[in-house]
Amino acid sequence: MEYPNNNLGSRRSNLATKLKIYLNQPNVSIQSDEHFCNYLLSKWQLWQTLYPTLYQNKVTWWLDMKTRIKDLNIEFSKNRVLENQLRERELEQNFKNIWFRLVDEEELLPLFNKTKKELAKFQLDKMRQKLMKSKQDEYETGDQGTKEFYKQFNEKREKTYIYHLENDQNQIVSTTPEILNTTFEFFSELFKEKPNYPQLAKKILKGITPIEDLQNSEDLTKLITKTELFWIIKKMATGKTPGPDGIAIEFYCKCWHIIGDDFTQVLKEIHEKGIIPD
């Protein structure tokens, strides 16, 4: 039996694959959103006025600003969720209205397709959020002290258990006191202070070319510029999970025109005064 379109199965498979990739793609930070940058700009000008009066130096001011940015991201995300919910309800109502009118008004077909695509994107986003939440529940459950967790832990501990060692005399030791003594002797010898080897040091230094050009020497000690710093940030990998501060690399790239001057001043102050934040 021949089907009218023998590519139907492959097309369905491709659609399923694309859907799976979309649902499992990395969570893009809202910090790279243009609206978030505008929202931050309205706050940033006020925050800049806090530095001379409430903070001892630019570094402590920046550490507090990172906390404010993280809180602002949470606030903006909540507002965005509410806006999306209202927009989705509006699209559903428009979709129903256009659907009933489409039979008599064929000119509504382009608007119908556009509304359907936009509504489908909202539904895919909801599916993806539920998937991410289910993964989070799995991670939280996996961290609990369940029976399965202790079973895997004990199996791993059995694999890493040391049953015997070979000492410096090429003798096999298997009792606990002998294993501990052999381990202690090995690391004591490994980390004890070694004598200096001036000849070896001279040989190593001989292979290092000294800086004879004064211009190159000055380039190593000159202050960091805003352009150089942005060039370094753009070369960093994106799509990664943010660190403890909750700020992703995408944020620095997208909002550099807002924070670039202040961030550069912070690094200059760290370089000049030797202030290293915790």
C-alpha atoms as a PDB file:
ATOM      1  CA  MET A   1       0.000   0.000   0.000  1.00  0.00           C
ATOM      2  CA  GLU A   2       1.403   3.397  -0.987  1.00  0.00           C
ATOM      3  CA  TYR A   3       0.679   6.517   0.958  1.00  0.00           C
ATOM      4  CA  PRO A   4       0.089   9.835  -0.820  1.00  0.00           C
ATOM      5  CA  ASN A   5       2.987  11.400   1.037  1.00  0.00           C
ATOM      6  CA  ASN A   6       5.705   8.969   2.048  1.00  0.00           C
ATOM      7  CA  ASN A   7       7.606  11.766   3.824  1.00  0.00           C
ATOM      8  CA  LEU A   8       4.884  12.204   6.448  1.00  0.00           C
ATOM      9  CA  GLY A   9       6.582   9.890   8.960  1.00  0.00           C
ATOM     10  CA  SER A  10       9.963  11.568   8.570  1.00  0.00           C
ATOM     11  CA  ARG A  11       8.402  15.027   8.902  1.00  0.00           C
ATOM     12  CA  ARG A  12       6.656  13.998  12.104  1.00  0.00           C
ATOM     13  CA  SER A  13       9.939  12.615  13.409  1.00  0.00           C
ATOM     14  CA  ASN A  14      11.707  15.885  12.601  1.00  0.00           C
ATOM     15  CA  LEU A  15       8.995  17.899  14.354  1.00  0.00           C
ATOM     16  CA  ALA A  16       9.249  15.666  17.422  1.00  0.00           C
ATOM     17  CA  THR A  17      13.030  16.081  17.450  1.00  0.00           C
ATOM     18  CA  LYS A  18      12.769  19.887  17.182  1.00  0.00           C
ATOM     19  CA  LEU A  19      10.201  19.933  19.994  1.00  0.00           C
ATOM     20  CA  LYS A  20      12.470  17.838  22.203  1.00  0.00           C
ATOM     21  CA  ILE A  21      15.447  20.124  21.511  1.00  0.00           C
ATOM     22  CA  TYR A  22      13.356  23.215  22.284  1.00  0.00           C
ATOM     23  CA  LEU A  23      12.039  21.821  25.555  1.00  0.00           C
ATOM     24  CA  ASN A  24      15.501  20.771  26.722  1.00  0.00           C
ATOM     25  CA  GLN A  25      17.493  23.778  25.548  1.00  0.00           C
ATOM     26  CA  PRO A  26      19.415  25.786  28.186  1.00  0.00           C
ATOM     27  CA  ASN A  27      17.366  28.302  30.089  1.00  0.00           C
ATOM     28  CA  VAL A  28      18.165  31.691  28.533  1.00  0.00           C
ATOM     29  CA  SER A  29      18.560  34.362  31.205  1.00  0.00           C
ATOM     30  CA  ILE A  30      15.986  37.134  31.192  1.00  0.00           C
ATOM     31  CA  GLN A  31      18.903  39.452  32.018  1.00  0.00           C
ATOM     32  CA  SER A  32      19.727  39.596  28.302  1.00  0.00           C
ATOM     33  CA  ASP A  33      16.242  40.928  27.499  1.00  0.00           C
ATOM     34  CA  GLU A  34      16.050  44.448  26.071  1.00  0.00           C
ATOM     35  CA  HIS A  35      13.131  45.339  28.354  1.00  0.00           C
ATOM     36  CA  PHE A  36      15.130  44.240  31.398  1.00  0.00           C
ATOM     37  CA  CYS A  37      18.004  46.522  30.352  1.00  0.00           C
ATOM     38  CA  ASN A  38      15.612  49.472  30.084  1.00  0.00           C
ATOM     39  CA  TYR A  39      14.144  48.551  33.463  1.00  0.00           C
ATOM     40  CA  LEU A  40      17.658  48.434  34.936  1.00  0.00           C
ATOM     41  CA  LEU A  41      18.561  51.792  33.363  1.00  0.00           C
ATOM     42  CA  SER A  42      15.692  53.482  35.206  1.00  0.00           C
ATOM     43  CA  LYS A  43      17.117  52.173  38.502  1.00  0.00           C
ATOM     44  CA  TRP A  44      20.837  52.477  37.763  1.00  0.00           C
ATOM     45  CA  GLN A  45      20.967  56.261  37.604  1.00  0.00           C
ATOM     46  CA  LEU A  46      19.546  56.404  41.128  1.00  0.00           C
ATOM     47  CA  TRP A  47      21.890  53.698  42.405  1.00  0.00           C
ATOM     48  CA  GLN A  48      24.914  55.616  41.115  1.00  0.00           C
ATOM     49  CA  THR A  49      24.119  58.485  43.472  1.00  0.00           C
ATOM     50  CA  LEU A  50      24.436  56.162  46.492  1.00  0.00           C
ATOM     51  CA  TYR A  51      28.180  55.563  46.089  1.00  0.00           C
ATOM     52  CA  PRO A  52      29.802  58.647  47.642  1.00  0.00           C
ATOM     53  CA  THR A  53      27.473  58.856  50.654  1.00  0.00           C
ATOM     54  CA  LEU A  54      26.670  55.276  51.709  1.00  0.00           C
ATOM     55  CA  TYR A  55      29.731  53.256  50.638  1.00  0.00           C
ATOM     56  CA  GLN A  56      33.404  53.459  51.583  1.00  0.00           C
ATOM     57  CA  ASN A  57      34.688  52.535  48.134  1.00  0.00           C
ATOM     58  CA  LYS A  58      33.521  51.518  44.685  1.00  0.00           C
ATOM     59  CA  VAL A  59      34.090  47.810  45.363  1.00  0.00           C
ATOM     60  CA  THR A  60      31.628  47.589  48.275  1.00  0.00           C
ATOM     61  CA  TRP A  61      29.159  49.612  46.208  1.00  0.00           C
ATOM     62  CA  TRP A  62      29.470  47.132  43.324  1.00  0.00           C
ATOM     63  CA  LEU A  63      28.946  44.104  45.587  1.00  0.00           C
ATOM     64  CA  ASP A  64      25.692  45.631  46.830  1.00  0.00           C
ATOM     65  CA  MET A  65      24.652  46.496  43.271  1.00  0.00           C
ATOM     66  CA  LYS A  66      25.084  42.841  42.245  1.00  0.00           C
ATOM     67  CA  THR A  67      22.619  41.869  44.979  1.00  0.00           C
ATOM     68  CA  ARG A  68      20.211  44.558  43.769  1.00  0.00           C
ATOM     69  CA  ILE A  69      20.530  43.325  40.175  1.00  0.00           C
ATOM     70  CA  LYS A  70      19.703  39.780  41.271  1.00  0.00           C
ATOM     71  CA  ASP A  71      16.617  40.994  43.187  1.00  0.00           C
ATOM     72  CA  LEU A  72      15.622  43.153  40.236  1.00  0.00           C
ATOM     73  CA  ASN A  73      15.844  40.110  37.983  1.00  0.00           C
ATOM     74  CA  ILE A  74      13.487  38.161  40.262  1.00  0.00           C
ATOM     75  CA  GLU A  75      11.025  41.063  40.385  1.00  0.00           C
ATOM     76  CA  PHE A  76      11.138  41.536  36.616  1.00  0.00           C
ATOM     77  CA  SER A  77      10.677  37.791  36.030  1.00  0.00           C
ATOM     78  CA  LYS A  78       7.545  37.712  38.186  1.00  0.00           C
ATOM     79  CA  ASN A  79       6.090  40.696  36.321  1.00  0.00           C
ATOM     80  CA  ARG A  80       6.938  39.054  33.006  1.00  0.00           C
ATOM     81  CA  VAL A  81       5.104  35.865  34.037  1.00  0.00           C
ATOM     82  CA  LEU A  82       1.974  37.854  34.870  1.00  0.00           C
ATOM     83  CA  GLU A  83       2.183  39.741  31.572  1.00  0.00           C
ATOM     84  CA  ASN A  84       2.566  36.493  29.635  1.00  0.00           C
ATOM     85  CA  GLN A  85      -0.439  34.974  31.367  1.00  0.00           C
ATOM     86  CA  LEU A  86      -2.605  37.952  30.441  1.00  0.00           C
ATOM     87  CA  ARG A  87      -1.281  37.919  26.885  1.00  0.00           C
ATOM     88  CA  GLU A  88      -1.968  34.185  26.552  1.00  0.00           C
ATOM     89  CA  ARG A  89      -5.574  34.613  27.680  1.00  0.00           C
ATOM     90  CA  GLU A  90      -6.000  37.443  25.196  1.00  0.00           C
ATOM     91  CA  LEU A  91      -4.576  35.290  22.393  1.00  0.00           C
ATOM     92  CA  GLU A  92      -6.852  32.381  23.263  1.00  0.00           C
ATOM     93  CA  GLN A  93      -9.896  34.645  23.114  1.00  0.00           C
ATOM     94  CA  ASN A  94      -8.770  36.156  19.789  1.00  0.00           C
ATOM     95  CA  PHE A  95      -8.077  32.699  18.398  1.00  0.00           C
ATOM     96  CA  LYS A  96     -11.622  31.532  19.216  1.00  0.00           C
ATOM     97  CA  ASN A  97     -13.194  34.669  17.746  1.00  0.00           C
ATOM     98  CA  ILE A  98     -11.215  34.424  14.516  1.00  0.00           C
ATOM     99  CA  TRP A  99     -11.917  30.704  14.263  1.00  0.00           C
ATOM    100  CA  PHE A 100     -15.699  31.230  14.241  1.00  0.00           C
ATOM    101  CA  ARG A 101     -15.452  34.120  11.745  1.00  0.00           C
ATOM    102  CA  LEU A 102     -12.997  32.375   9.422  1.00  0.00           C
ATOM    103  CA  VAL A 103     -15.693  30.484   7.534  1.00  0.00           C
ATOM    104  CA  ASP A 104     -17.347  33.673   6.310  1.00  0.00           C
ATOM    105  CA  GLU A 105     -14.274  35.947   6.237  1.00  0.00           C
ATOM    106  CA  GLU A 106     -11.421  34.235   4.448  1.00  0.00           C
ATOM    107  CA  GLU A 107      -9.279  37.387   4.563  1.00  0.00           C
ATOM    108  CA  LEU A 108      -8.735  36.640   8.285  1.00  0.00           C
ATOM    109  CA  LEU A 109      -6.583  33.599   7.438  1.00  0.00           C
ATOM    110  CA  PRO A 110      -3.172  35.398   7.736  1.00  0.00           C
ATOM    111  CA  LEU A 111      -4.217  36.848  11.103  1.00  0.00           C
ATOM    112  CA  PHE A 112      -5.454  33.394  12.167  1.00  0.00           C
ATOM    113  CA  ASN A 113      -2.092  31.774  11.316  1.00  0.00           C
ATOM    114  CA  LYS A 114      -0.152  34.521  13.074  1.00  0.00           C
ATOM    115  CA  THR A 115      -2.277  34.195  16.222  1.00  0.00           C
ATOM    116  CA  LYS A 116      -1.962  30.417  16.149  1.00  0.00           C
ATOM    117  CA  LYS A 117       1.853  30.572  15.962  1.00  0.00           C
ATOM    118  CA  GLU A 118       2.083  33.090  18.778  1.00  0.00           C
ATOM    119  CA  LEU A 119      -0.259  31.036  20.949  1.00  0.00           C
ATOM    120  CA  ALA A 120       1.712  27.861  20.181  1.00  0.00           C
ATOM    121  CA  LYS A 121       4.913  29.566  21.340  1.00  0.00           C
ATOM    122  CA  PHE A 122       3.292  30.465  24.665  1.00  0.00           C
ATOM    123  CA  GLN A 123       2.150  26.873  25.111  1.00  0.00           C
ATOM    124  CA  LEU A 124       5.635  25.549  24.311  1.00  0.00           C
ATOM    125  CA  ASP A 125       7.110  27.934  26.871  1.00  0.00           C
ATOM    126  CA  LYS A 126       4.684  26.633  29.485  1.00  0.00           C
ATOM    127  CA  MET A 127       5.619  23.031  28.659  1.00  0.00           C
ATOM    128  CA  ARG A 128       9.279  23.925  28.946  1.00  0.00           C
ATOM    129  CA  GLN A 129       8.753  25.616  32.316  1.00  0.00           C
ATOM    130  CA  LYS A 130       6.943  22.527  33.621  1.00  0.00           C
ATOM    131  CA  LEU A 131       9.763  20.336  32.343  1.00  0.00           C
ATOM    132  CA  MET A 132      12.391  22.501  34.069  1.00  0.00           C
ATOM    133  CA  LYS A 133      10.331  22.408  37.277  1.00  0.00           C
ATOM    134  CA  SER A 134      10.039  18.615  37.127  1.00  0.00           C
ATOM    135  CA  LYS A 135      13.819  18.361  36.691  1.00  0.00           C
ATOM    136  CA  GLN A 136      14.274  20.631  39.686  1.00  0.00           C
ATOM    137  CA  ASP A 137      12.018  18.342  41.744  1.00  0.00           C
ATOM    138  CA  GLU A 138      14.126  15.376  40.645  1.00  0.00           C
ATOM    139  CA  TYR A 139      17.317  17.121  41.720  1.00  0.00           C
ATOM    140  CA  GLU A 140      15.845  18.038  45.098  1.00  0.00           C
ATOM    141  CA  THR A 141      14.628  14.474  45.640  1.00  0.00           C
ATOM    142  CA  GLY A 142      17.987  13.096  44.584  1.00  0.00           C
ATOM    143  CA  ASP A 143      19.763  15.156  47.243  1.00  0.00           C
ATOM    144  CA  GLN A 144      17.649  13.710  50.034  1.00  0.00           C
ATOM    145  CA  GLY A 145      18.910  10.834  52.169  1.00  0.00           C
ATOM    146  CA  THR A 146      16.698   8.203  50.569  1.00  0.00           C
ATOM    147  CA  LYS A 147      17.276   4.463  50.529  1.00  0.00           C
ATOM    148  CA  GLU A 148      18.359   4.576  46.894  1.00  0.00           C
ATOM    149  CA  PHE A 149      20.839   7.365  47.684  1.00  0.00           C
ATOM    150  CA  TYR A 150      22.537   5.348  50.445  1.00  0.00           C
ATOM    151  CA  LYS A 151      22.598   2.287  48.229  1.00  0.00           C
ATOM    152  CA  GLN A 152      24.493   4.135  45.509  1.00  0.00           C
ATOM    153  CA  PHE A 153      26.738   5.748  48.109  1.00  0.00           C
ATOM    154  CA  ASN A 154      27.696   2.389  49.635  1.00  0.00           C
ATOM    155  CA  GLU A 155      28.345   0.867  46.212  1.00  0.00           C
ATOM    156  CA  LYS A 156      30.658   3.724  45.334  1.00  0.00           C
ATOM    157  CA  ARG A 157      32.428   3.483  48.689  1.00  0.00           C
ATOM    158  CA  GLU A 158      33.084  -0.213  48.146  1.00  0.00           C
ATOM    159  CA  LYS A 159      34.689   0.540  44.795  1.00  0.00           C
ATOM    160  CA  THR A 160      36.999   3.197  46.266  1.00  0.00           C
ATOM    161  CA  TYR A 161      38.041   1.199  49.352  1.00  0.00           C
ATOM    162  CA  ILE A 162      41.815   0.550  49.597  1.00  0.00           C
ATOM    163  CA  TYR A 163      42.481  -3.121  50.312  1.00  0.00           C
ATOM    164  CA  HIS A 164      46.274  -3.103  49.925  1.00  0.00           C
ATOM    165  CA  LEU A 165      49.223  -0.853  49.073  1.00  0.00           C
ATOM    166  CA  GLU A 166      52.801  -1.251  47.917  1.00  0.00           C
ATOM    167  CA  ASN A 167      55.408   0.573  50.044  1.00  0.00           C
ATOM    168  CA  ASP A 168      58.853   1.908  49.079  1.00  0.00           C
ATOM    169  CA  GLN A 169      60.408  -1.510  49.720  1.00  0.00           C
ATOM    170  CA  ASN A 170      58.103  -3.042  47.090  1.00  0.00           C
ATOM    171  CA  GLN A 171      56.233  -4.911  49.827  1.00  0.00           C
ATOM    172  CA  ILE A 172      52.462  -5.391  49.772  1.00  0.00           C
ATOM    173  CA  VAL A 173      50.739  -4.262  52.994  1.00  0.00           C
ATOM    174  CA  SER A 174      47.109  -5.068  53.691  1.00  0.00           C
ATOM    175  CA  THR A 175      46.370  -4.349  57.364  1.00  0.00           C
ATOM    176  CA  THR A 176      44.885  -1.016  58.387  1.00  0.00           C
ATOM    177  CA  PRO A 177      47.888   0.163  60.506  1.00  0.00           C
ATOM    178  CA  GLU A 178      50.323  -0.738  57.717  1.00  0.00           C
ATOM    179  CA  ILE A 179      48.235   1.057  55.075  1.00  0.00           C
ATOM    180  CA  LEU A 180      47.987   4.177  57.248  1.00  0.00           C
ATOM    181  CA  ASN A 181      51.717   4.143  57.981  1.00  0.00           C
ATOM    182  CA  THR A 182      52.606   3.703  54.293  1.00  0.00           C
ATOM    183  CA  THR A 183      50.262   6.544  53.312  1.00  0.00           C
ATOM    184  CA  PHE A 184      51.718   8.840  55.986  1.00  0.00           C
ATOM    185  CA  GLU A 185      55.291   8.141  54.884  1.00  0.00           C
ATOM    186  CA  PHE A 186      54.455   8.713  51.222  1.00  0.00           C
ATOM    187  CA  PHE A 187      52.825  12.128  51.711  1.00  0.00           C
ATOM    188  CA  SER A 188      55.410  13.214  54.300  1.00  0.00           C
ATOM    189  CA  GLU A 189      58.112  12.620  51.705  1.00  0.00           C
ATOM    190  CA  LEU A 190      56.047  14.212  48.958  1.00  0.00           C
ATOM    191  CA  PHE A 191      55.393  17.514  50.754  1.00  0.00           C
ATOM    192  CA  LYS A 192      58.585  17.963  52.755  1.00  0.00           C
ATOM    193  CA  GLU A 193      60.783  20.948  51.998  1.00  0.00           C
ATOM    194  CA  LYS A 194      63.049  20.304  49.046  1.00  0.00           C
ATOM    195  CA  PRO A 195      66.572  21.784  48.654  1.00  0.00           C
ATOM    196  CA  ASN A 196      67.098  24.573  46.162  1.00  0.00           C
ATOM    197  CA  TYR A 197      68.706  23.815  42.819  1.00  0.00           C
ATOM    198  CA  PRO A 198      70.340  27.053  41.606  1.00  0.00           C
ATOM    199  CA  GLN A 199      71.712  25.443  38.462  1.00  0.00           C
ATOM    200  CA  LEU A 200      68.266  24.189  37.489  1.00  0.00           C
ATOM    201  CA  ALA A 201      66.758  27.615  38.209  1.00  0.00           C
ATOM    202  CA  LYS A 202      69.333  29.296  35.990  1.00  0.00           C
ATOM    203  CA  LYS A 203      68.589  26.829  33.224  1.00  0.00           C
ATOM    204  CA  ILE A 204      64.864  27.589  33.420  1.00  0.00           C
ATOM    205  CA  LEU A 205      65.381  31.356  33.529  1.00  0.00           C
ATOM    206  CA  LYS A 206      67.715  31.166  30.544  1.00  0.00           C
ATOM    207  CA  GLY A 207      64.798  30.087  28.374  1.00  0.00           C
ATOM    208  CA  ILE A 208      62.701  33.159  29.349  1.00  0.00           C
ATOM    209  CA  THR A 209      63.205  36.148  27.087  1.00  0.00           C
ATOM    210  CA  PRO A 210      63.527  39.379  29.127  1.00  0.00           C
ATOM    211  CA  ILE A 211      61.436  42.421  28.214  1.00  0.00           C
ATOM    212  CA  GLU A 212      63.810  44.892  26.605  1.00  0.00           C
ATOM    213  CA  ASP A 213      61.223  47.093  24.935  1.00  0.00           C
ATOM    214  CA  LEU A 214      60.051  49.802  27.347  1.00  0.00           C
ATOM    215  CA  GLN A 215      56.715  50.079  25.553  1.00  0.00           C
ATOM    216  CA  ASN A 216      55.912  46.387  26.192  1.00  0.00           C
ATOM    217  CA  SER A 217      56.863  46.807  29.838  1.00  0.00           C
ATOM    218  CA  GLU A 218      54.433  49.710  30.226  1.00  0.00           C
ATOM    219  CA  ASP A 219      51.645  47.722  28.545  1.00  0.00           C
ATOM    220  CA  LEU A 220      51.872  45.094  31.302  1.00  0.00           C
ATOM    221  CA  THR A 221      51.333  47.648  34.076  1.00  0.00           C
ATOM    222  CA  LYS A 222      48.822  50.031  32.478  1.00  0.00           C
ATOM    223  CA  LEU A 223      45.267  50.221  33.801  1.00  0.00           C
ATOM    224  CA  ILE A 224      42.416  48.231  32.322  1.00  0.00           C
ATOM    225  CA  THR A 225      40.314  50.091  29.776  1.00  0.00           C
ATOM    226  CA  LYS A 226      36.583  49.764  29.198  1.00  0.00           C
ATOM    227  CA  THR A 227      37.103  48.616  25.599  1.00  0.00           C
ATOM    228  CA  GLU A 228      39.620  45.940  26.590  1.00  0.00           C
ATOM    229  CA  LEU A 229      37.381  44.671  29.374  1.00  0.00           C
ATOM    230  CA  PHE A 230      34.345  44.397  27.085  1.00  0.00           C
ATOM    231  CA  TRP A 231      36.435  42.536  24.503  1.00  0.00           C
ATOM    232  CA  ILE A 232      37.374  39.961  27.173  1.00  0.00           C
ATOM    233  CA  ILE A 233      33.765  39.579  28.338  1.00  0.00           C
ATOM    234  CA  LYS A 234      32.500  38.990  24.786  1.00  0.00           C
ATOM    235  CA  LYS A 235      34.988  36.132  24.373  1.00  0.00           C
ATOM    236  CA  MET A 236      33.578  34.304  27.415  1.00  0.00           C
ATOM    237  CA  ALA A 237      31.193  31.399  26.866  1.00  0.00           C
ATOM    238  CA  THR A 238      27.468  32.162  27.031  1.00  0.00           C
ATOM    239  CA  GLY A 239      24.510  29.939  27.861  1.00  0.00           C
ATOM    240  CA  LYS A 240      26.099  28.874  31.147  1.00  0.00           C
ATOM    241  CA  THR A 241      24.535  28.687  34.591  1.00  0.00           C
ATOM    242  CA  PRO A 242      25.125  31.909  36.587  1.00  0.00           C
ATOM    243  CA  GLY A 243      27.350  31.813  39.653  1.00  0.00           C
ATOM    244  CA  PRO A 244      26.336  32.554  43.265  1.00  0.00           C
ATOM    245  CA  ASP A 245      25.649  36.199  42.390  1.00  0.00           C
ATOM    246  CA  GLY A 246      22.975  35.094  39.888  1.00  0.00           C
ATOM    247  CA  ILE A 247      24.388  37.267  37.083  1.00  0.00           C
ATOM    248  CA  ALA A 248      25.044  35.649  33.709  1.00  0.00           C
ATOM    249  CA  ILE A 249      27.577  36.649  31.060  1.00  0.00           C
ATOM    250  CA  GLU A 250      24.690  37.616  28.768  1.00  0.00           C
ATOM    251  CA  PHE A 251      23.814  40.388  31.224  1.00  0.00           C
ATOM    252  CA  TYR A 252      27.262  42.012  30.950  1.00  0.00           C
ATOM    253  CA  CYS A 253      27.130  41.848  27.148  1.00  0.00           C
ATOM    254  CA  LYS A 254      23.593  43.219  26.822  1.00  0.00           C
ATOM    255  CA  CYS A 255      23.729  45.904  29.534  1.00  0.00           C
ATOM    256  CA  TRP A 256      27.349  46.963  29.067  1.00  0.00           C
ATOM    257  CA  HIS A 257      26.305  50.450  27.977  1.00  0.00           C
ATOM    258  CA  ILE A 258      24.720  50.851  31.430  1.00  0.00           C
ATOM    259  CA  ILE A 259      27.238  49.215  33.793  1.00  0.00           C
ATOM    260  CA  GLY A 260      30.434  49.385  31.716  1.00  0.00           C
ATOM    261  CA  ASP A 261      31.887  52.600  33.187  1.00  0.00           C
ATOM    262  CA  ASP A 262      31.165  51.629  36.798  1.00  0.00           C
ATOM    263  CA  PHE A 263      32.439  48.068  36.389  1.00  0.00           C
ATOM    264  CA  THR A 264      35.669  49.347  34.824  1.00  0.00           C
ATOM    265  CA  GLN A 265      36.169  51.775  37.740  1.00  0.00           C
ATOM    266  CA  VAL A 266      35.678  48.895  40.184  1.00  0.00           C
ATOM    267  CA  LEU A 267      38.431  46.832  38.576  1.00  0.00           C
ATOM    268  CA  LYS A 268      40.739  49.852  38.422  1.00  0.00           C
ATOM    269  CA  GLU A 269      40.212  50.423  42.148  1.00  0.00           C
ATOM    270  CA  ILE A 270      40.971  46.771  42.872  1.00  0.00           C
ATOM    271  CA  HIS A 271      44.180  47.073  40.835  1.00  0.00           C
ATOM    272  CA  GLU A 272      45.317  50.359  42.382  1.00  0.00           C
ATOM    273  CA  LYS A 273      44.399  49.800  46.049  1.00  0.00           C
ATOM    274  CA  GLY A 274      44.745  46.015  46.204  1.00  0.00           C
ATOM    275  CA  ILE A 275      41.179  45.570  47.475  1.00  0.00           C
ATOM    276  CA  ILE A 276      40.076  41.986  46.926  1.00  0.00           C
ATOM    277  CA  PRO A 277      36.362  41.405  47.744  1.00  0.00           C
ATOM    278  CA  ASP A 278      35.324  38.240  49.590  1.00  0.00           C
END
